[in-house]
């Protein structure tokens, strides 16, 4: 499916090994048309966290880079993105767990979603 056809405004760009190369806006692809490659149009991804990073770090990255989402990486391999909605959900689970006296290491966070 074409990026614009899905309604997405951006897409993550990976290399052949699944490592993060950057991101590209749907508008940039439409403007560029047949000229150039996706890799050439990709912009550097500044907002990212390693898998297993604290939620506070992910939130900090969003704020520092004024980003609407944060990439989650295992080394350089792209795993998915953490959105504000997913971050909020994970924080709510953490607070609920604290209120019930459940250890934070026992709380499961599904914070990575498909881009």
PDB file of N, CA and C in Angstrom:
ATOM      1  N   UNK A   1       0.836  -1.185   0.000  1.00  0.00           N
ATOM      2  CA  UNK A   1       0.000   0.000   0.000  1.00  0.00           C
ATOM      3  C   UNK A   1       0.876   1.242   0.000  1.00  0.00           C
ATOM      4  N   UNK A   2       0.412   2.254  -0.663  1.00  0.00           N
ATOM      5  CA  UNK A   2       1.148   3.509  -0.690  1.00  0.00           C
ATOM      6  C   UNK A   2       0.938   4.231   0.628  1.00  0.00           C
ATOM      7  N   UNK A   3       1.958   4.979   1.046  1.00  0.00           N
ATOM      8  CA  UNK A   3       1.902   5.680   2.325  1.00  0.00           C
ATOM      9  C   UNK A   3       0.697   6.606   2.397  1.00  0.00           C
ATOM     10  N   UNK A   4       0.474   7.396   1.371  1.00  0.00           N
ATOM     11  CA  UNK A   4      -0.649   8.324   1.367  1.00  0.00           C
ATOM     12  C   UNK A   4      -1.991   7.622   1.410  1.00  0.00           C
ATOM     13  N   UNK A   5      -2.065   6.437   0.803  1.00  0.00           N
ATOM     14  CA  UNK A   5      -3.319   5.692   0.759  1.00  0.00           C
ATOM     15  C   UNK A   5      -3.718   5.171   2.135  1.00  0.00           C
ATOM     16  N   UNK A   6      -2.762   4.992   3.019  1.00  0.00           N
ATOM     17  CA  UNK A   6      -3.062   4.481   4.356  1.00  0.00           C
ATOM     18  C   UNK A   6      -3.520   5.587   5.295  1.00  0.00           C
ATOM     19  N   UNK A   7      -3.367   6.835   4.890  1.00  0.00           N
ATOM     20  CA  UNK A   7      -3.717   7.953   5.747  1.00  0.00           C
ATOM     21  C   UNK A   7      -2.595   8.358   6.683  1.00  0.00           C
ATOM     22  N   UNK A   8      -1.477   7.654   6.637  1.00  0.00           N
ATOM     23  CA  UNK A   8      -0.340   7.980   7.496  1.00  0.00           C
ATOM     24  C   UNK A   8       0.328   9.261   7.019  1.00  0.00           C
ATOM     25  N   UNK A   9       0.823  10.044   7.948  1.00  0.00           N
ATOM     26  CA  UNK A   9       1.505  11.293   7.618  1.00  0.00           C
ATOM     27  C   UNK A   9       3.013  11.121   7.571  1.00  0.00           C
ATOM     28  N   UNK A  10       3.517   9.994   8.048  1.00  0.00           N
ATOM     29  CA  UNK A  10       4.950   9.737   8.065  1.00  0.00           C
ATOM     30  C   UNK A  10       5.201   8.240   8.080  1.00  0.00           C
ATOM     31  N   UNK A  11       6.433   7.864   7.786  1.00  0.00           N
ATOM     32  CA  UNK A  11       6.820   6.456   7.839  1.00  0.00           C
ATOM     33  C   UNK A  11       8.248   6.359   8.324  1.00  0.00           C
ATOM     34  N   UNK A  12       8.553   5.282   9.010  1.00  0.00           N
ATOM     35  CA  UNK A  12       9.911   4.995   9.463  1.00  0.00           C
ATOM     36  C   UNK A  12      10.656   4.358   8.297  1.00  0.00           C
ATOM     37  N   UNK A  13      11.930   4.752   8.129  1.00  0.00           N
ATOM     38  CA  UNK A  13      12.752   4.209   7.055  1.00  0.00           C
ATOM     39  C   UNK A  13      13.839   3.338   7.685  1.00  0.00           C
ATOM     40  N   UNK A  14      13.899   2.078   7.231  1.00  0.00           N
ATOM     41  CA  UNK A  14      14.869   1.124   7.746  1.00  0.00           C
ATOM     42  C   UNK A  14      15.832   0.725   6.637  1.00  0.00           C
ATOM     43  N   UNK A  15      17.025   0.265   7.023  1.00  0.00           N
ATOM     44  CA  UNK A  15      17.927  -0.293   6.024  1.00  0.00           C
ATOM     45  C   UNK A  15      17.591  -1.769   5.843  1.00  0.00           C
ATOM     46  N   UNK A  16      18.342  -2.457   5.030  1.00  0.00           N
ATOM     47  CA  UNK A  16      18.061  -3.852   4.728  1.00  0.00           C
ATOM     48  C   UNK A  16      18.155  -4.782   5.911  1.00  0.00           C
ATOM     49  N   UNK A  17      18.871  -4.392   6.951  1.00  0.00           N
ATOM     50  CA  UNK A  17      19.022  -5.225   8.150  1.00  0.00           C
ATOM     51  C   UNK A  17      17.988  -4.913   9.222  1.00  0.00           C
ATOM     52  N   UNK A  18      17.086  -3.968   8.951  1.00  0.00           N
ATOM     53  CA  UNK A  18      16.078  -3.594   9.937  1.00  0.00           C
ATOM     54  C   UNK A  18      16.549  -2.532  10.912  1.00  0.00           C
ATOM     55  N   UNK A  19      17.698  -1.924  10.602  1.00  0.00           N
ATOM     56  CA  UNK A  19      18.210  -0.843  11.450  1.00  0.00           C
ATOM     57  C   UNK A  19      17.540   0.477  11.061  1.00  0.00           C
ATOM     58  N   UNK A  20      17.372   1.342  12.040  1.00  0.00           N
ATOM     59  CA  UNK A  20      16.732   2.625  11.808  1.00  0.00           C
ATOM     60  C   UNK A  20      17.600   3.525  10.941  1.00  0.00           C
ATOM     61  N   UNK A  21      17.032   4.023   9.850  1.00  0.00           N
ATOM     62  CA  UNK A  21      17.720   4.977   8.973  1.00  0.00           C
ATOM     63  C   UNK A  21      17.190   6.390   9.212  1.00  0.00           C
ATOM     64  N   UNK A  22      15.914   6.508   9.525  1.00  0.00           N
ATOM     65  CA  UNK A  22      15.301   7.815   9.760  1.00  0.00           C
ATOM     66  C   UNK A  22      13.797   7.730   9.562  1.00  0.00           C
ATOM     67  N   UNK A  23      13.212   8.860   9.172  1.00  0.00           N
ATOM     68  CA  UNK A  23      11.779   8.895   8.917  1.00  0.00           C
ATOM     69  C   UNK A  23      11.529   9.798   7.729  1.00  0.00           C
ATOM     70  N   UNK A  24      10.385   9.627   7.110  1.00  0.00           N
ATOM     71  CA  UNK A  24      10.029  10.439   5.945  1.00  0.00           C
ATOM     72  C   UNK A  24       8.567  10.842   6.057  1.00  0.00           C
ATOM     73  N   UNK A  25       8.298  12.085   5.702  1.00  0.00           N
ATOM     74  CA  UNK A  25       6.929  12.598   5.718  1.00  0.00           C
ATOM     75  C   UNK A  25       6.221  12.213   4.420  1.00  0.00           C
ATOM     76  N   UNK A  26       4.942  11.890   4.510  1.00  0.00           N
ATOM     77  CA  UNK A  26       4.158  11.541   3.327  1.00  0.00           C
ATOM     78  C   UNK A  26       4.173  12.682   2.321  1.00  0.00           C
ATOM     79  N   UNK A  27       4.128  13.921   2.794  1.00  0.00           N
ATOM     80  CA  UNK A  27       4.156  15.080   1.904  1.00  0.00           C
ATOM     81  C   UNK A  27       5.442  15.125   1.099  1.00  0.00           C
ATOM     82  N   UNK A  28       6.566  14.784   1.722  1.00  0.00           N
ATOM     83  CA  UNK A  28       7.846  14.795   1.018  1.00  0.00           C
ATOM     84  C   UNK A  28       7.846  13.777  -0.113  1.00  0.00           C
ATOM     85  N   UNK A  29       7.234  12.633   0.127  1.00  0.00           N
ATOM     86  CA  UNK A  29       7.164  11.606  -0.916  1.00  0.00           C
ATOM     87  C   UNK A  29       6.299  12.066  -2.082  1.00  0.00           C
ATOM     88  N   UNK A  30       5.193  12.724  -1.775  1.00  0.00           N
ATOM     89  CA  UNK A  30       4.314  13.216  -2.843  1.00  0.00           C
ATOM     90  C   UNK A  30       5.003  14.292  -3.667  1.00  0.00           C
ATOM     91  N   UNK A  31       5.711  15.200  -3.010  1.00  0.00           N
ATOM     92  CA  UNK A  31       6.384  16.296  -3.707  1.00  0.00           C
ATOM     93  C   UNK A  31       7.529  15.764  -4.561  1.00  0.00           C
ATOM     94  N   UNK A  32       8.286  14.823  -4.018  1.00  0.00           N
ATOM     95  CA  UNK A  32       9.445  14.285  -4.727  1.00  0.00           C
ATOM     96  C   UNK A  32       9.025  13.426  -5.915  1.00  0.00           C
ATOM     97  N   UNK A  33       7.855  12.795  -5.810  1.00  0.00           N
ATOM     98  CA  UNK A  33       7.370  11.962  -6.904  1.00  0.00           C
ATOM     99  C   UNK A  33       8.339  10.851  -7.242  1.00  0.00           C
ATOM    100  N   UNK A  34       8.749  10.792  -8.477  1.00  0.00           N
ATOM    101  CA  UNK A  34       9.638   9.735  -8.962  1.00  0.00           C
ATOM    102  C   UNK A  34      11.107  10.094  -8.804  1.00  0.00           C
ATOM    103  N   UNK A  35      11.418  11.254  -8.280  1.00  0.00           N
ATOM    104  CA  UNK A  35      12.801  11.722  -8.182  1.00  0.00           C
ATOM    105  C   UNK A  35      13.414  11.324  -6.844  1.00  0.00           C
ATOM    106  N   UNK A  36      14.563  10.716  -6.877  1.00  0.00           N
ATOM    107  CA  UNK A  36      15.266  10.361  -5.649  1.00  0.00           C
ATOM    108  C   UNK A  36      14.750   9.065  -5.043  1.00  0.00           C
ATOM    109  N   UNK A  37      15.311   8.731  -3.889  1.00  0.00           N
ATOM    110  CA  UNK A  37      14.920   7.512  -3.182  1.00  0.00           C
ATOM    111  C   UNK A  37      14.374   7.878  -1.808  1.00  0.00           C
ATOM    112  N   UNK A  38      13.686   6.934  -1.209  1.00  0.00           N
ATOM    113  CA  UNK A  38      13.161   7.149   0.139  1.00  0.00           C
ATOM    114  C   UNK A  38      14.324   7.407   1.095  1.00  0.00           C
ATOM    115  N   UNK A  39      15.415   6.647   0.925  1.00  0.00           N
ATOM    116  CA  UNK A  39      16.594   6.835   1.772  1.00  0.00           C
ATOM    117  C   UNK A  39      17.152   8.236   1.695  1.00  0.00           C
ATOM    118  N   UNK A  40      17.112   8.830   0.507  1.00  0.00           N
ATOM    119  CA  UNK A  40      17.617  10.202   0.332  1.00  0.00           C
ATOM    120  C   UNK A  40      16.686  11.233   0.973  1.00  0.00           C
ATOM    121  N   UNK A  41      15.393  10.922   1.004  1.00  0.00           N
ATOM    122  CA  UNK A  41      14.410  11.844   1.580  1.00  0.00           C
ATOM    123  C   UNK A  41      14.299  11.723   3.096  1.00  0.00           C
ATOM    124  N   UNK A  42      14.796  10.612   3.637  1.00  0.00           N
ATOM    125  CA  UNK A  42      14.645  10.346   5.065  1.00  0.00           C
ATOM    126  C   UNK A  42      15.367  11.389   5.900  1.00  0.00           C
ATOM    127  N   UNK A  43      14.730  11.745   6.986  1.00  0.00           N
ATOM    128  CA  UNK A  43      15.310  12.692   7.939  1.00  0.00           C
ATOM    129  C   UNK A  43      15.802  11.912   9.151  1.00  0.00           C
ATOM    130  N   UNK A  44      16.792  12.450   9.788  1.00  0.00           N
ATOM    131  CA  UNK A  44      17.368  11.803  10.961  1.00  0.00           C
ATOM    132  C   UNK A  44      16.334  11.704  12.081  1.00  0.00           C
ATOM    133  N   UNK A  45      16.363  10.595  12.788  1.00  0.00           N
ATOM    134  CA  UNK A  45      15.465  10.378  13.917  1.00  0.00           C
ATOM    135  C   UNK A  45      16.189  10.812  15.185  1.00  0.00           C
ATOM    136  N   UNK A  46      15.771  11.915  15.770  1.00  0.00           N
ATOM    137  CA  UNK A  46      16.414  12.410  16.985  1.00  0.00           C
ATOM    138  C   UNK A  46      15.790  11.844  18.248  1.00  0.00           C
ATOM    139  N   UNK A  47      14.493  11.579  18.208  1.00  0.00           N
ATOM    140  CA  UNK A  47      13.781  11.109  19.398  1.00  0.00           C
ATOM    141  C   UNK A  47      13.719   9.584  19.385  1.00  0.00           C
ATOM    142  N   UNK A  48      14.567   8.955  20.195  1.00  0.00           N
ATOM    143  CA  UNK A  48      14.568   7.496  20.297  1.00  0.00           C
ATOM    144  C   UNK A  48      15.061   7.088  21.673  1.00  0.00           C
ATOM    145  N   UNK A  49      14.680   5.887  22.073  1.00  0.00           N
ATOM    146  CA  UNK A  49      15.129   5.313  23.342  1.00  0.00           C
ATOM    147  C   UNK A  49      15.476   3.846  23.115  1.00  0.00           C
ATOM    148  N   UNK A  50      16.393   3.319  23.930  1.00  0.00           N
ATOM    149  CA  UNK A  50      16.663   1.882  23.846  1.00  0.00           C
ATOM    150  C   UNK A  50      15.532   1.111  24.520  1.00  0.00           C
ATOM    151  N   UNK A  51      15.272  -0.096  24.016  1.00  0.00           N
ATOM    152  CA  UNK A  51      14.246  -0.937  24.627  1.00  0.00           C
ATOM    153  C   UNK A  51      14.625  -1.145  26.095  1.00  0.00           C
ATOM    154  N   UNK A  52      13.656  -1.088  26.967  1.00  0.00           N
ATOM    155  CA  UNK A  52      13.926  -1.243  28.396  1.00  0.00           C
ATOM    156  C   UNK A  52      14.222   0.065  29.102  1.00  0.00           C
ATOM    157  N   UNK A  53      14.266   1.172  28.371  1.00  0.00           N
ATOM    158  CA  UNK A  53      14.508   2.477  29.004  1.00  0.00           C
ATOM    159  C   UNK A  53      13.305   2.843  29.872  1.00  0.00           C
ATOM    160  N   UNK A  54      13.535   3.615  30.929  1.00  0.00           N
ATOM    161  CA  UNK A  54      12.406   4.061  31.761  1.00  0.00           C
ATOM    162  C   UNK A  54      11.435   4.936  30.963  1.00  0.00           C
ATOM    163  N   UNK A  55      10.165   4.871  31.323  1.00  0.00           N
ATOM    164  CA  UNK A  55       9.157   5.698  30.657  1.00  0.00           C
ATOM    165  C   UNK A  55       9.493   7.178  30.776  1.00  0.00           C
ATOM    166  N   UNK A  56      10.093   7.548  31.895  1.00  0.00           N
ATOM    167  CA  UNK A  56      10.494   8.950  32.104  1.00  0.00           C
ATOM    168  C   UNK A  56      11.460   9.402  31.019  1.00  0.00           C
ATOM    169  N   UNK A  57      12.373   8.531  30.619  1.00  0.00           N
ATOM    170  CA  UNK A  57      13.329   8.860  29.561  1.00  0.00           C
ATOM    171  C   UNK A  57      12.618   9.043  28.222  1.00  0.00           C
ATOM    172  N   UNK A  58      11.646   8.183  27.924  1.00  0.00           N
ATOM    173  CA  UNK A  58      10.894   8.302  26.679  1.00  0.00           C
ATOM    174  C   UNK A  58      10.112   9.620  26.647  1.00  0.00           C
ATOM    175  N   UNK A  59       9.481   9.952  27.756  1.00  0.00           N
ATOM    176  CA  UNK A  59       8.731  11.211  27.838  1.00  0.00           C
ATOM    177  C   UNK A  59       9.674  12.398  27.678  1.00  0.00           C
ATOM    178  N   UNK A  60      10.825  12.323  28.302  1.00  0.00           N
ATOM    179  CA  UNK A  60      11.822  13.383  28.189  1.00  0.00           C
ATOM    180  C   UNK A  60      12.266  13.570  26.738  1.00  0.00           C
ATOM    181  N   UNK A  61      12.474  12.473  26.024  1.00  0.00           N
ATOM    182  CA  UNK A  61      12.871  12.552  24.607  1.00  0.00           C
ATOM    183  C   UNK A  61      11.790  13.238  23.780  1.00  0.00           C
ATOM    184  N   UNK A  62      10.520  12.885  24.037  1.00  0.00           N
ATOM    185  CA  UNK A  62       9.415  13.525  23.321  1.00  0.00           C
ATOM    186  C   UNK A  62       9.431  15.031  23.536  1.00  0.00           C
ATOM    187  N   UNK A  63       9.608  15.434  24.789  1.00  0.00           N
ATOM    188  CA  UNK A  63       9.599  16.861  25.109  1.00  0.00           C
ATOM    189  C   UNK A  63      10.826  17.577  24.553  1.00  0.00           C
ATOM    190  N   UNK A  64      11.990  16.977  24.730  1.00  0.00           N
ATOM    191  CA  UNK A  64      13.242  17.603  24.285  1.00  0.00           C
ATOM    192  C   UNK A  64      13.250  17.841  22.777  1.00  0.00           C
ATOM    193  N   UNK A  65      12.705  16.900  22.021  1.00  0.00           N
ATOM    194  CA  UNK A  65      12.745  17.005  20.567  1.00  0.00           C
ATOM    195  C   UNK A  65      11.415  17.465  19.974  1.00  0.00           C
ATOM    196  N   UNK A  66      10.474  17.841  20.835  1.00  0.00           N
ATOM    197  CA  UNK A  66       9.148  18.289  20.397  1.00  0.00           C
ATOM    198  C   UNK A  66       8.573  17.279  19.402  1.00  0.00           C
ATOM    199  N   UNK A  67       8.672  15.995  19.770  1.00  0.00           N
ATOM    200  CA  UNK A  67       8.273  14.909  18.887  1.00  0.00           C
ATOM    201  C   UNK A  67       6.908  14.355  19.276  1.00  0.00           C
ATOM    202  N   UNK A  68       6.172  13.886  18.300  1.00  0.00           N
ATOM    203  CA  UNK A  68       4.882  13.263  18.541  1.00  0.00           C
ATOM    204  C   UNK A  68       5.000  11.775  18.812  1.00  0.00           C
ATOM    205  N   UNK A  69       6.211  11.240  18.708  1.00  0.00           N
ATOM    206  CA  UNK A  69       6.453   9.821  18.949  1.00  0.00           C
ATOM    207  C   UNK A  69       7.946   9.609  19.111  1.00  0.00           C
ATOM    208  N   UNK A  70       8.291   8.491  19.719  1.00  0.00           N
ATOM    209  CA  UNK A  70       9.691   8.145  19.980  1.00  0.00           C
ATOM    210  C   UNK A  70       9.945   6.747  19.429  1.00  0.00           C
ATOM    211  N   UNK A  71      11.032   6.588  18.680  1.00  0.00           N
ATOM    212  CA  UNK A  71      11.399   5.257  18.179  1.00  0.00           C
ATOM    213  C   UNK A  71      11.983   4.433  19.323  1.00  0.00           C
ATOM    214  N   UNK A  72      11.704   3.144  19.318  1.00  0.00           N
ATOM    215  CA  UNK A  72      12.256   2.219  20.305  1.00  0.00           C
ATOM    216  C   UNK A  72      13.225   1.291  19.576  1.00  0.00           C
ATOM    217  N   UNK A  73      14.467   1.253  20.064  1.00  0.00           N
ATOM    218  CA  UNK A  73      15.517   0.492  19.388  1.00  0.00           C
ATOM    219  C   UNK A  73      16.112  -0.570  20.289  1.00  0.00           C
ATOM    220  N   UNK A  74      16.525  -1.659  19.676  1.00  0.00           N
ATOM    221  CA  UNK A  74      17.317  -2.695  20.329  1.00  0.00           C
ATOM    222  C   UNK A  74      18.671  -2.630  19.642  1.00  0.00           C
ATOM    223  N   UNK A  75      19.604  -1.897  20.242  1.00  0.00           N
ATOM    224  CA  UNK A  75      20.851  -1.564  19.545  1.00  0.00           C
ATOM    225  C   UNK A  75      20.503  -0.558  18.470  1.00  0.00           C
ATOM    226  N   UNK A  76      20.709  -0.927  17.205  1.00  0.00           N
ATOM    227  CA  UNK A  76      20.280  -0.054  16.110  1.00  0.00           C
ATOM    228  C   UNK A  76      19.045  -0.610  15.409  1.00  0.00           C
ATOM    229  N   UNK A  77      18.586  -1.784  15.842  1.00  0.00           N
ATOM    230  CA  UNK A  77      17.422  -2.423  15.221  1.00  0.00           C
ATOM    231  C   UNK A  77      16.133  -1.771  15.705  1.00  0.00           C
ATOM    232  N   UNK A  78      15.310  -1.375  14.759  1.00  0.00           N
ATOM    233  CA  UNK A  78      14.039  -0.712  15.042  1.00  0.00           C
ATOM    234  C   UNK A  78      13.015  -1.736  15.532  1.00  0.00           C
ATOM    235  N   UNK A  79      12.358  -1.433  16.664  1.00  0.00           N
ATOM    236  CA  UNK A  79      11.320  -2.307  17.206  1.00  0.00           C
ATOM    237  C   UNK A  79       9.918  -1.739  17.016  1.00  0.00           C
ATOM    238  N   UNK A  80       9.800  -0.423  17.058  1.00  0.00           N
ATOM    239  CA  UNK A  80       8.494   0.213  16.940  1.00  0.00           C
ATOM    240  C   UNK A  80       8.546   1.630  17.464  1.00  0.00           C
ATOM    241  N   UNK A  81       7.385   2.188  17.729  1.00  0.00           N
ATOM    242  CA  UNK A  81       7.320   3.557  18.236  1.00  0.00           C
ATOM    243  C   UNK A  81       6.499   3.612  19.510  1.00  0.00           C
ATOM    244  N   UNK A  82       6.821   4.580  20.324  1.00  0.00           N
ATOM    245  CA  UNK A  82       6.075   4.874  21.534  1.00  0.00           C
ATOM    246  C   UNK A  82       5.368   6.204  21.295  1.00  0.00           C
ATOM    247  N   UNK A  83       4.043   6.173  21.312  1.00  0.00           N
ATOM    248  CA  UNK A  83       3.241   7.376  21.070  1.00  0.00           C
ATOM    249  C   UNK A  83       2.796   7.977  22.404  1.00  0.00           C
ATOM    250  N   UNK A  84       2.335   9.216  22.401  1.00  0.00           N
ATOM    251  CA  UNK A  84       1.822   9.794  23.644  1.00  0.00           C
ATOM    252  C   UNK A  84       0.706   8.953  24.260  1.00  0.00           C
ATOM    253  N   UNK A  85      -0.174   8.395  23.438  1.00  0.00           N
ATOM    254  CA  UNK A  85      -1.273   7.574  23.974  1.00  0.00           C
ATOM    255  C   UNK A  85      -0.730   6.323  24.659  1.00  0.00           C
ATOM    256  N   UNK A  86       0.245   5.658  24.045  1.00  0.00           N
ATOM    257  CA  UNK A  86       0.846   4.461  24.643  1.00  0.00           C
ATOM    258  C   UNK A  86       1.622   4.827  25.908  1.00  0.00           C
ATOM    259  N   UNK A  87       2.312   5.963  25.881  1.00  0.00           N
ATOM    260  CA  UNK A  87       3.054   6.415  27.052  1.00  0.00           C
ATOM    261  C   UNK A  87       2.088   6.678  28.211  1.00  0.00           C
ATOM    262  N   UNK A  88       0.983   7.337  27.926  1.00  0.00           N
ATOM    263  CA  UNK A  88      -0.013   7.624  28.947  1.00  0.00           C
ATOM    264  C   UNK A  88      -0.582   6.329  29.527  1.00  0.00           C
ATOM    265  N   UNK A  89      -0.880   5.376  28.652  1.00  0.00           N
ATOM    266  CA  UNK A  89      -1.408   4.087  29.096  1.00  0.00           C
ATOM    267  C   UNK A  89      -0.410   3.370  30.006  1.00  0.00           C
ATOM    268  N   UNK A  90       0.861   3.382  29.624  1.00  0.00           N
ATOM    269  CA  UNK A  90       1.895   2.719  30.429  1.00  0.00           C
ATOM    270  C   UNK A  90       2.070   3.411  31.781  1.00  0.00           C
ATOM    271  N   UNK A  91       2.029   4.736  31.795  1.00  0.00           N
ATOM    272  CA  UNK A  91       2.149   5.477  33.048  1.00  0.00           C
ATOM    273  C   UNK A  91       0.962   5.184  33.962  1.00  0.00           C
ATOM    274  N   UNK A  92      -0.223   5.086  33.369  1.00  0.00           N
ATOM    275  CA  UNK A  92      -1.421   4.786  34.164  1.00  0.00           C
ATOM    276  C   UNK A  92      -1.302   3.392  34.786  1.00  0.00           C
ATOM    277  N   UNK A  93      -0.806   2.420  34.013  1.00  0.00           N
ATOM    278  CA  UNK A  93      -0.609   1.074  34.561  1.00  0.00           C
ATOM    279  C   UNK A  93       0.379   1.095  35.723  1.00  0.00           C
ATOM    280  N   UNK A  94       1.432   1.887  35.573  1.00  0.00           N
ATOM    281  CA  UNK A  94       2.447   1.975  36.615  1.00  0.00           C
ATOM    282  C   UNK A  94       1.860   2.573  37.898  1.00  0.00           C
ATOM    283  N   UNK A  95       1.083   3.636  37.772  1.00  0.00           N
ATOM    284  CA  UNK A  95       0.449   4.279  38.925  1.00  0.00           C
ATOM    285  C   UNK A  95      -0.553   3.326  39.572  1.00  0.00           C
ATOM    286  N   UNK A  96      -1.338   2.631  38.750  1.00  0.00           N
ATOM    287  CA  UNK A  96      -2.304   1.663  39.277  1.00  0.00           C
ATOM    288  C   UNK A  96      -1.590   0.549  40.037  1.00  0.00           C
ATOM    289  N   UNK A  97      -0.469   0.095  39.493  1.00  0.00           N
ATOM    290  CA  UNK A  97       0.296  -0.967  40.157  1.00  0.00           C
ATOM    291  C   UNK A  97       0.819  -0.486  41.505  1.00  0.00           C
ATOM    292  N   UNK A  98       1.320   0.753  41.554  1.00  0.00           N
ATOM    293  CA  UNK A  98       1.793   1.318  42.818  1.00  0.00           C
ATOM    294  C   UNK A  98       0.663   1.372  43.845  1.00  0.00           C
ATOM    295  N   UNK A  99      -0.535   1.772  43.387  1.00  0.00           N
ATOM    296  CA  UNK A  99      -1.680   1.886  44.295  1.00  0.00           C
ATOM    297  C   UNK A  99      -2.096   0.522  44.845  1.00  0.00           C
ATOM    298  N   UNK A 100      -1.917  -0.527  44.057  1.00  0.00           N
ATOM    299  CA  UNK A 100      -2.280  -1.882  44.505  1.00  0.00           C
ATOM    300  C   UNK A 100      -1.129  -2.574  45.226  1.00  0.00           C
ATOM    301  N   UNK A 101       0.029  -1.930  45.292  1.00  0.00           N
ATOM    302  CA  UNK A 101       1.172  -2.516  45.962  1.00  0.00           C
ATOM    303  C   UNK A 101       1.885  -3.570  45.128  1.00  0.00           C
ATOM    304  N   UNK A 102       1.665  -3.545  43.816  1.00  0.00           N
ATOM    305  CA  UNK A 102       2.323  -4.488  42.907  1.00  0.00           C
ATOM    306  C   UNK A 102       3.674  -3.897  42.511  1.00  0.00           C
ATOM    307  N   UNK A 103       4.702  -4.735  42.510  1.00  0.00           N
ATOM    308  CA  UNK A 103       6.029  -4.270  42.116  1.00  0.00           C
ATOM    309  C   UNK A 103       6.059  -3.859  40.660  1.00  0.00           C
ATOM    310  N   UNK A 104       6.766  -2.783  40.350  1.00  0.00           N
ATOM    311  CA  UNK A 104       6.827  -2.294  38.975  1.00  0.00           C
ATOM    312  C   UNK A 104       7.400  -3.323  38.008  1.00  0.00           C
ATOM    313  N   UNK A 105       8.295  -4.180  38.503  1.00  0.00           N
ATOM    314  CA  UNK A 105       8.871  -5.187  37.618  1.00  0.00           C
ATOM    315  C   UNK A 105       7.864  -6.273  37.258  1.00  0.00           C
ATOM    316  N   UNK A 106       6.708  -6.286  37.931  1.00  0.00           N
ATOM    317  CA  UNK A 106       5.663  -7.263  37.627  1.00  0.00           C
ATOM    318  C   UNK A 106       4.623  -6.713  36.656  1.00  0.00           C
ATOM    319  N   UNK A 107       4.718  -5.431  36.322  1.00  0.00           N
ATOM    320  CA  UNK A 107       3.753  -4.794  35.431  1.00  0.00           C
ATOM    321  C   UNK A 107       4.241  -4.938  33.999  1.00  0.00           C
ATOM    322  N   UNK A 108       3.349  -5.416  33.115  1.00  0.00           N
ATOM    323  CA  UNK A 108       3.721  -5.590  31.709  1.00  0.00           C
ATOM    324  C   UNK A 108       3.357  -4.331  30.949  1.00  0.00           C
ATOM    325  N   UNK A 109       4.311  -3.810  30.172  1.00  0.00           N
ATOM    326  CA  UNK A 109       4.084  -2.617  29.364  1.00  0.00           C
ATOM    327  C   UNK A 109       4.191  -2.983  27.893  1.00  0.00           C
ATOM    328  N   UNK A 110       3.106  -2.846  27.157  1.00  0.00           N
ATOM    329  CA  UNK A 110       3.126  -3.027  25.714  1.00  0.00           C
ATOM    330  C   UNK A 110       3.286  -1.642  25.098  1.00  0.00           C
ATOM    331  N   UNK A 111       4.482  -1.081  25.204  1.00  0.00           N
ATOM    332  CA  UNK A 111       4.688   0.307  24.813  1.00  0.00           C
ATOM    333  C   UNK A 111       5.163   0.480  23.393  1.00  0.00           C
ATOM    334  N   UNK A 112       5.454  -0.609  22.712  1.00  0.00           N
ATOM    335  CA  UNK A 112       5.926  -0.510  21.340  1.00  0.00           C
ATOM    336  C   UNK A 112       4.766  -0.849  20.426  1.00  0.00           C
ATOM    337  N   UNK A 113       4.497   0.051  19.467  1.00  0.00           N
ATOM    338  CA  UNK A 113       3.423  -0.216  18.504  1.00  0.00           C
ATOM    339  C   UNK A 113       3.989  -0.088  17.104  1.00  0.00           C
ATOM    340  N   UNK A 114       3.299  -0.669  16.150  1.00  0.00           N
ATOM    341  CA  UNK A 114       3.762  -0.583  14.762  1.00  0.00           C
ATOM    342  C   UNK A 114       3.682   0.852  14.272  1.00  0.00           C
ATOM    343  N   UNK A 115       4.658   1.194  13.461  1.00  0.00           N
ATOM    344  CA  UNK A 115       4.726   2.554  12.913  1.00  0.00           C
ATOM    345  C   UNK A 115       3.779   2.708  11.755  1.00  0.00           C
TER     346      UNK A 115
END
